[in-house]
Amino acid sequence: MLYTPVSVLIGLILTADAVHLLKENGKASRISSIASTVEVVWLVISFIYLFSEDLYGLKLLIPILFVSYVIAGFISSFLMVRDLETPEEIQALKVPRPFMVVALIFGITFVAANVLVLLI
């Protein structure tokens, strides 16, 4: 199945986005929009993969972690924007540094876990 090799690429995209956000002090850009789109698509694929394959061990844990990470990100994003009233306020919003650090750590860990699966 191509899930694991593509997951390495997804992890690299998420890592690159986190690095970019850190460099831009949390100001989202087109790169962040692309990464978010990729996350949503991979969320759906990961969810389907969880229930369509006979998974065990790390192969089971990887899609569960990805789904959990994206859902936690959706909840966090909702909580950040729920009190904002205008589109201008939302556009001016910057991603808090702890969120960027978590995203970076997740991206690196996700890449490493998938590379490990490919090697074993």
N, C-alpha and C. Protein backbone atom coordinates (compact mmCIF):
# COMPACT_ATOMS: atom_id res chain seq x y z
N MET A 1 0.85 -1.20 0.00
CA MET A 1 0.00 0.00 0.00
C MET A 1 0.88 1.24 0.00
N LEU A 2 0.42 2.26 -0.59
CA LEU A 2 1.17 3.51 -0.69
C LEU A 2 0.98 4.45 0.49
N TYR A 3 0.20 4.03 1.47
CA TYR A 3 -0.08 4.93 2.59
C TYR A 3 1.19 5.40 3.28
N THR A 4 2.08 4.49 3.59
CA THR A 4 3.28 4.85 4.36
C THR A 4 4.23 5.76 3.58
N PRO A 5 4.59 5.43 2.33
CA PRO A 5 5.49 6.36 1.62
C PRO A 5 4.88 7.75 1.41
N VAL A 6 3.60 7.80 1.14
CA VAL A 6 2.95 9.10 0.96
C VAL A 6 2.88 9.83 2.31
N SER A 7 2.72 9.09 3.39
CA SER A 7 2.71 9.71 4.71
C SER A 7 4.04 10.38 5.02
N VAL A 8 5.14 9.83 4.53
CA VAL A 8 6.44 10.49 4.70
C VAL A 8 6.39 11.87 4.04
N LEU A 9 5.84 11.92 2.82
CA LEU A 9 5.72 13.21 2.12
C LEU A 9 4.79 14.17 2.86
N ILE A 10 3.70 13.64 3.39
CA ILE A 10 2.76 14.47 4.16
C ILE A 10 3.47 15.05 5.38
N GLY A 11 4.22 14.23 6.08
CA GLY A 11 4.97 14.69 7.23
C GLY A 11 5.98 15.77 6.86
N LEU A 12 6.62 15.62 5.72
CA LEU A 12 7.58 16.63 5.26
C LEU A 12 6.87 17.95 4.95
N ILE A 13 5.67 17.87 4.36
CA ILE A 13 4.89 19.08 4.08
C ILE A 13 4.51 19.78 5.39
N LEU A 14 4.06 19.00 6.36
CA LEU A 14 3.68 19.58 7.65
C LEU A 14 4.90 20.20 8.36
N THR A 15 6.03 19.53 8.27
CA THR A 15 7.26 20.05 8.88
C THR A 15 7.68 21.36 8.20
N ALA A 16 7.64 21.38 6.87
CA ALA A 16 8.00 22.59 6.14
C ALA A 16 7.06 23.74 6.48
N ASP A 17 5.78 23.45 6.61
CA ASP A 17 4.81 24.48 6.98
C ASP A 17 5.12 25.04 8.36
N ALA A 18 5.42 24.15 9.31
CA ALA A 18 5.73 24.61 10.67
C ALA A 18 6.99 25.47 10.69
N VAL A 19 8.00 25.07 9.94
CA VAL A 19 9.24 25.86 9.86
C VAL A 19 8.94 27.22 9.24
N HIS A 20 8.14 27.23 8.19
CA HIS A 20 7.77 28.48 7.53
C HIS A 20 7.00 29.39 8.49
N LEU A 21 6.06 28.84 9.22
CA LEU A 21 5.29 29.63 10.19
C LEU A 21 6.21 30.20 11.28
N LEU A 22 7.16 29.39 11.73
CA LEU A 22 8.10 29.89 12.74
C LEU A 22 8.92 31.05 12.20
N LYS A 23 9.36 30.94 10.95
CA LYS A 23 10.15 32.02 10.32
C LYS A 23 9.32 33.29 10.13
N GLU A 24 8.03 33.12 9.88
CA GLU A 24 7.14 34.25 9.62
C GLU A 24 6.40 34.71 10.88
N ASN A 25 6.85 34.25 12.03
CA ASN A 25 6.24 34.62 13.31
C ASN A 25 4.74 34.33 13.38
N GLY A 26 4.33 33.21 12.80
CA GLY A 26 2.95 32.77 12.90
C GLY A 26 2.00 33.30 11.85
N LYS A 27 2.50 34.09 10.93
CA LYS A 27 1.64 34.62 9.88
C LYS A 27 1.44 33.57 8.79
N ALA A 28 0.22 33.11 8.64
CA ALA A 28 -0.09 32.08 7.65
C ALA A 28 0.07 32.64 6.23
N SER A 29 0.40 31.75 5.32
CA SER A 29 0.59 32.14 3.92
C SER A 29 -0.02 31.07 3.02
N ARG A 30 0.26 31.18 1.75
CA ARG A 30 -0.23 30.20 0.78
C ARG A 30 0.28 28.79 1.13
N ILE A 31 1.51 28.72 1.63
CA ILE A 31 2.07 27.43 2.03
C ILE A 31 1.19 26.79 3.11
N SER A 32 0.75 27.59 4.06
CA SER A 32 -0.12 27.08 5.13
C SER A 32 -1.46 26.63 4.58
N SER A 33 -1.99 27.35 3.61
CA SER A 33 -3.26 26.95 2.99
C SER A 33 -3.13 25.61 2.28
N ILE A 34 -2.03 25.44 1.56
CA ILE A 34 -1.79 24.17 0.87
C ILE A 34 -1.63 23.05 1.88
N ALA A 35 -0.84 23.30 2.94
CA ALA A 35 -0.63 22.28 3.96
C ALA A 35 -1.95 21.90 4.63
N SER A 36 -2.80 22.88 4.89
CA SER A 36 -4.10 22.60 5.51
C SER A 36 -4.98 21.75 4.60
N THR A 37 -4.96 22.05 3.33
CA THR A 37 -5.73 21.26 2.36
C THR A 37 -5.22 19.83 2.32
N VAL A 38 -3.92 19.68 2.28
CA VAL A 38 -3.30 18.35 2.29
C VAL A 38 -3.69 17.60 3.56
N GLU A 39 -3.69 18.29 4.69
CA GLU A 39 -4.08 17.67 5.97
C GLU A 39 -5.50 17.12 5.91
N VAL A 40 -6.42 17.91 5.37
CA VAL A 40 -7.83 17.48 5.31
C VAL A 40 -7.97 16.26 4.40
N VAL A 41 -7.33 16.31 3.25
CA VAL A 41 -7.40 15.17 2.32
C VAL A 41 -6.80 13.93 2.97
N TRP A 42 -5.64 14.10 3.63
CA TRP A 42 -4.97 12.95 4.25
C TRP A 42 -5.75 12.47 5.47
N LEU A 43 -6.49 13.34 6.12
CA LEU A 43 -7.36 12.93 7.22
C LEU A 43 -8.40 11.93 6.72
N VAL A 44 -9.03 12.26 5.63
CA VAL A 44 -10.05 11.37 5.05
C VAL A 44 -9.42 10.04 4.65
N ILE A 45 -8.28 10.12 3.97
CA ILE A 45 -7.59 8.90 3.52
C ILE A 45 -7.16 8.07 4.73
N SER A 46 -6.65 8.72 5.76
CA SER A 46 -6.20 8.00 6.97
C SER A 46 -7.37 7.31 7.66
N PHE A 47 -8.49 8.00 7.71
CA PHE A 47 -9.68 7.43 8.35
C PHE A 47 -10.15 6.20 7.58
N ILE A 48 -10.19 6.29 6.27
CA ILE A 48 -10.59 5.15 5.43
C ILE A 48 -9.58 4.01 5.59
N TYR A 49 -8.30 4.35 5.58
CA TYR A 49 -7.23 3.36 5.72
C TYR A 49 -7.35 2.59 7.03
N LEU A 50 -7.72 3.29 8.09
CA LEU A 50 -7.87 2.65 9.40
C LEU A 50 -8.87 1.50 9.37
N PHE A 51 -9.93 1.66 8.60
CA PHE A 51 -11.00 0.68 8.60
C PHE A 51 -10.99 -0.26 7.40
N SER A 52 -10.07 -0.05 6.47
CA SER A 52 -10.05 -0.90 5.28
C SER A 52 -8.85 -1.84 5.23
N GLU A 53 -7.92 -1.68 6.14
CA GLU A 53 -6.72 -2.52 6.15
C GLU A 53 -6.63 -3.27 7.48
N ASP A 54 -5.92 -4.38 7.46
CA ASP A 54 -5.66 -5.14 8.68
C ASP A 54 -4.36 -4.59 9.27
N LEU A 55 -4.49 -3.66 10.21
CA LEU A 55 -3.34 -2.96 10.75
C LEU A 55 -3.04 -3.43 12.17
N TYR A 56 -1.76 -3.35 12.53
CA TYR A 56 -1.34 -3.69 13.88
C TYR A 56 -0.07 -2.92 14.20
N GLY A 57 0.22 -2.77 15.47
CA GLY A 57 1.45 -2.10 15.90
C GLY A 57 1.55 -0.67 15.40
N LEU A 58 2.75 -0.33 14.95
CA LEU A 58 3.02 1.02 14.47
C LEU A 58 2.20 1.37 13.23
N LYS A 59 1.91 0.36 12.41
CA LYS A 59 1.08 0.61 11.22
C LYS A 59 -0.33 1.05 11.60
N LEU A 60 -0.80 0.62 12.75
CA LEU A 60 -2.10 1.04 13.26
C LEU A 60 -1.99 2.40 13.94
N LEU A 61 -0.92 2.60 14.67
CA LEU A 61 -0.74 3.82 15.45
C LEU A 61 -0.58 5.06 14.56
N ILE A 62 0.08 4.93 13.43
CA ILE A 62 0.35 6.09 12.57
C ILE A 62 -0.93 6.78 12.09
N PRO A 63 -1.87 6.07 11.48
CA PRO A 63 -3.09 6.79 11.06
C PRO A 63 -3.91 7.30 12.24
N ILE A 64 -3.89 6.58 13.36
CA ILE A 64 -4.61 7.05 14.55
C ILE A 64 -4.00 8.37 15.03
N LEU A 65 -2.67 8.44 15.07
CA LEU A 65 -2.01 9.68 15.49
C LEU A 65 -2.32 10.83 14.54
N PHE A 66 -2.32 10.54 13.24
CA PHE A 66 -2.59 11.60 12.28
C PHE A 66 -4.01 12.14 12.43
N VAL A 67 -4.96 11.24 12.53
CA VAL A 67 -6.37 11.65 12.69
C VAL A 67 -6.51 12.45 13.98
N SER A 68 -5.90 11.99 15.05
CA SER A 68 -5.98 12.70 16.33
C SER A 68 -5.35 14.08 16.25
N TYR A 69 -4.20 14.18 15.59
CA TYR A 69 -3.51 15.46 15.45
C TYR A 69 -4.37 16.47 14.67
N VAL A 70 -4.94 16.03 13.58
CA VAL A 70 -5.74 16.95 12.75
C VAL A 70 -7.02 17.36 13.48
N ILE A 71 -7.67 16.44 14.14
CA ILE A 71 -8.88 16.79 14.89
C ILE A 71 -8.54 17.76 16.01
N ALA A 72 -7.44 17.53 16.71
CA ALA A 72 -7.01 18.46 17.77
C ALA A 72 -6.70 19.84 17.17
N GLY A 73 -6.12 19.85 15.98
CA GLY A 73 -5.84 21.12 15.30
C GLY A 73 -7.12 21.85 14.93
N PHE A 74 -8.12 21.12 14.45
CA PHE A 74 -9.41 21.74 14.12
C PHE A 74 -10.03 22.36 15.37
N ILE A 75 -10.01 21.62 16.46
CA ILE A 75 -10.59 22.13 17.71
C ILE A 75 -9.83 23.37 18.17
N SER A 76 -8.51 23.31 18.16
CA SER A 76 -7.69 24.46 18.57
C SER A 76 -7.95 25.67 17.69
N SER A 77 -8.04 25.46 16.39
CA SER A 77 -8.30 26.56 15.46
C SER A 77 -9.67 27.18 15.73
N PHE A 78 -10.65 26.33 15.95
CA PHE A 78 -11.99 26.83 16.25
C PHE A 78 -11.98 27.69 17.51
N LEU A 79 -11.29 27.22 18.53
CA LEU A 79 -11.24 27.96 19.79
C LEU A 79 -10.52 29.31 19.61
N MET A 80 -9.54 29.36 18.71
CA MET A 80 -8.83 30.62 18.49
C MET A 80 -9.68 31.64 17.75
N VAL A 81 -10.53 31.19 16.84
CA VAL A 81 -11.27 32.14 16.00
C VAL A 81 -12.72 32.35 16.44
N ARG A 82 -13.18 31.63 17.42
CA ARG A 82 -14.61 31.70 17.77
C ARG A 82 -15.06 33.09 18.24
N ASP A 83 -14.17 33.85 18.85
CA ASP A 83 -14.55 35.17 19.34
C ASP A 83 -14.24 36.29 18.34
N LEU A 84 -13.63 35.94 17.23
CA LEU A 84 -13.33 36.96 16.22
C LEU A 84 -14.59 37.22 15.40
N GLU A 85 -14.84 38.49 15.11
CA GLU A 85 -16.11 38.84 14.48
C GLU A 85 -16.02 39.18 13.01
N THR A 86 -14.88 39.66 12.55
CA THR A 86 -14.80 40.09 11.15
C THR A 86 -13.74 39.27 10.41
N PRO A 87 -13.89 39.19 9.09
CA PRO A 87 -12.87 38.50 8.29
C PRO A 87 -11.48 39.13 8.45
N GLU A 88 -11.44 40.43 8.69
CA GLU A 88 -10.16 41.11 8.86
C GLU A 88 -9.45 40.63 10.12
N GLU A 89 -10.22 40.42 11.18
CA GLU A 89 -9.64 39.90 12.42
C GLU A 89 -9.07 38.49 12.22
N ILE A 90 -9.80 37.69 11.47
CA ILE A 90 -9.34 36.33 11.20
C ILE A 90 -8.07 36.37 10.35
N GLN A 91 -8.04 37.24 9.34
CA GLN A 91 -6.85 37.36 8.48
C GLN A 91 -5.64 37.83 9.26
N ALA A 92 -5.85 38.67 10.26
CA ALA A 92 -4.75 39.22 11.05
C ALA A 92 -4.25 38.26 12.13
N LEU A 93 -4.99 37.18 12.36
CA LEU A 93 -4.63 36.23 13.39
C LEU A 93 -3.30 35.57 13.08
N LYS A 94 -2.47 35.45 14.10
CA LYS A 94 -1.19 34.75 13.97
C LYS A 94 -1.25 33.46 14.78
N VAL A 95 -0.62 32.43 14.24
CA VAL A 95 -0.57 31.16 14.93
C VAL A 95 0.33 31.31 16.16
N PRO A 96 -0.15 30.93 17.33
CA PRO A 96 0.69 31.03 18.54
C PRO A 96 1.92 30.11 18.44
N ARG A 97 3.03 30.59 18.97
CA ARG A 97 4.29 29.83 18.89
C ARG A 97 4.17 28.40 19.43
N PRO A 98 3.50 28.15 20.56
CA PRO A 98 3.39 26.75 21.02
C PRO A 98 2.72 25.84 19.99
N PHE A 99 1.75 26.36 19.26
CA PHE A 99 1.09 25.56 18.23
C PHE A 99 2.06 25.22 17.11
N MET A 100 2.91 26.19 16.74
CA MET A 100 3.89 25.96 15.68
C MET A 100 4.91 24.91 16.12
N VAL A 101 5.32 24.97 17.38
CA VAL A 101 6.29 24.00 17.90
C VAL A 101 5.68 22.60 17.92
N VAL A 102 4.44 22.48 18.36
CA VAL A 102 3.76 21.19 18.35
C VAL A 102 3.66 20.66 16.92
N ALA A 103 3.33 21.53 15.98
CA ALA A 103 3.23 21.12 14.57
C ALA A 103 4.58 20.63 14.06
N LEU A 104 5.64 21.32 14.41
CA LEU A 104 6.98 20.93 13.98
C LEU A 104 7.35 19.57 14.58
N ILE A 105 7.11 19.40 15.86
CA ILE A 105 7.43 18.13 16.51
C ILE A 105 6.60 17.00 15.90
N PHE A 106 5.32 17.26 15.66
CA PHE A 106 4.47 16.23 15.06
C PHE A 106 4.98 15.87 13.67
N GLY A 107 5.29 16.87 12.85
CA GLY A 107 5.76 16.60 11.49
C GLY A 107 7.01 15.74 11.49
N ILE A 108 7.98 16.09 12.32
CA ILE A 108 9.23 15.32 12.39
C ILE A 108 8.96 13.91 12.89
N THR A 109 8.14 13.79 13.93
CA THR A 109 7.82 12.47 14.49
C THR A 109 7.05 11.62 13.48
N PHE A 110 6.14 12.24 12.74
CA PHE A 110 5.35 11.52 11.75
C PHE A 110 6.24 10.99 10.63
N VAL A 111 7.18 11.82 10.17
CA VAL A 111 8.13 11.37 9.15
C VAL A 111 8.95 10.21 9.69
N ALA A 112 9.50 10.35 10.88
CA ALA A 112 10.36 9.32 11.46
C ALA A 112 9.60 7.99 11.64
N ALA A 113 8.38 8.07 12.12
CA ALA A 113 7.60 6.86 12.35
C ALA A 113 7.32 6.13 11.03
N ASN A 114 6.99 6.90 10.01
CA ASN A 114 6.72 6.28 8.71
C ASN A 114 7.98 5.71 8.07
N VAL A 115 9.10 6.39 8.23
CA VAL A 115 10.37 5.84 7.72
C VAL A 115 10.70 4.56 8.45
N LEU A 116 10.45 4.52 9.74
CA LEU A 116 10.68 3.30 10.53
C LEU A 116 9.83 2.14 10.00
N VAL A 117 8.57 2.42 9.69
CA VAL A 117 7.69 1.37 9.14
C VAL A 117 8.23 0.87 7.80
N LEU A 118 8.74 1.78 6.99
CA LEU A 118 9.29 1.38 5.69
C LEU A 118 10.54 0.52 5.84
N LEU A 119 11.30 0.75 6.91
CA LEU A 119 12.55 0.04 7.12
C LEU A 119 12.37 -1.33 7.77
N ILE A 120 11.25 -1.51 8.51
CA ILE A 120 11.06 -2.80 9.18
C ILE A 120 10.07 -3.68 8.45
